[in-house]
Amino acid sequence: MSARHPATPPKKPAKSASSARKKLLIVDDHPMTRAGLSQPINKQPDMEVCGEAGNPAEALNQIPSCRPDLVVTDITMPGRSGVEFIKNMLALHAGLPILAVSMHDELIYAERVLRAGARGYIMKEAGGEKLLAAIRQVLSGQAYVSERMSAKLLGSSTGRRPRGSSSPIEKLSDRESRPTKTRPRSTNSAVRRSGDVVSSSR
């Protein structure tokens, strides 16, 4: 009489690496910049680029099919201002996390972008490692700004801003404060220092 062997439970199908990766939509009007942002993202085990758009209208058309977990966008593109784009995007897709990546000074534009509904603001010159840290921080449900910008926001919220120190940009409408587009540098600043390991500010 042969001994009975306990039945082996069926193995659960392994979850593919691609299905576990967060999907990002890259929005920038310069193809080289989009490529410079996409390359380091696609090399990560936990995120991938699901689509690229060269302007706000194209981005809004791609969102339903791409279904991104995060939109990484420039704030200076043809058609409309970045702040208007962010507001329009959230009006159509409430709760969609947005990270603004810009060449423009965060002390001037970050606060306005955050008030529009973006979850974070990082300057392109920050480098690849900081960009990836910012992406992960926003994907985790937190806001991201640099230490310098965090100190400014903290000072504003606690009323420590000196009298008369408010920037004239804060008194302008979103359309009036639209940054001026300048010719991009030949070297992609978004990944120029991708080898530098720098942790994100909390």
Foldseek 3Di string as FASTA:
>chain_A
DDDDDDDDDDDDDDDDQVVQAFEEEEEAQDPVLSVLQQVVQCVDSRYHYQYYYNDLVRVLVCCVVSVGQEYEYEQAHPDAGNLVSLLVSCVVVPPREYEYEYQDDCVQPVVSSVVSPHQEYDYLLPAQQQVVQQVVQVSVVHGADAPVVVVVVVCVVVVNDDPPPDDPLVVDDSRVNGDDDDDDDPDRSNHPVHVDHDHGDD
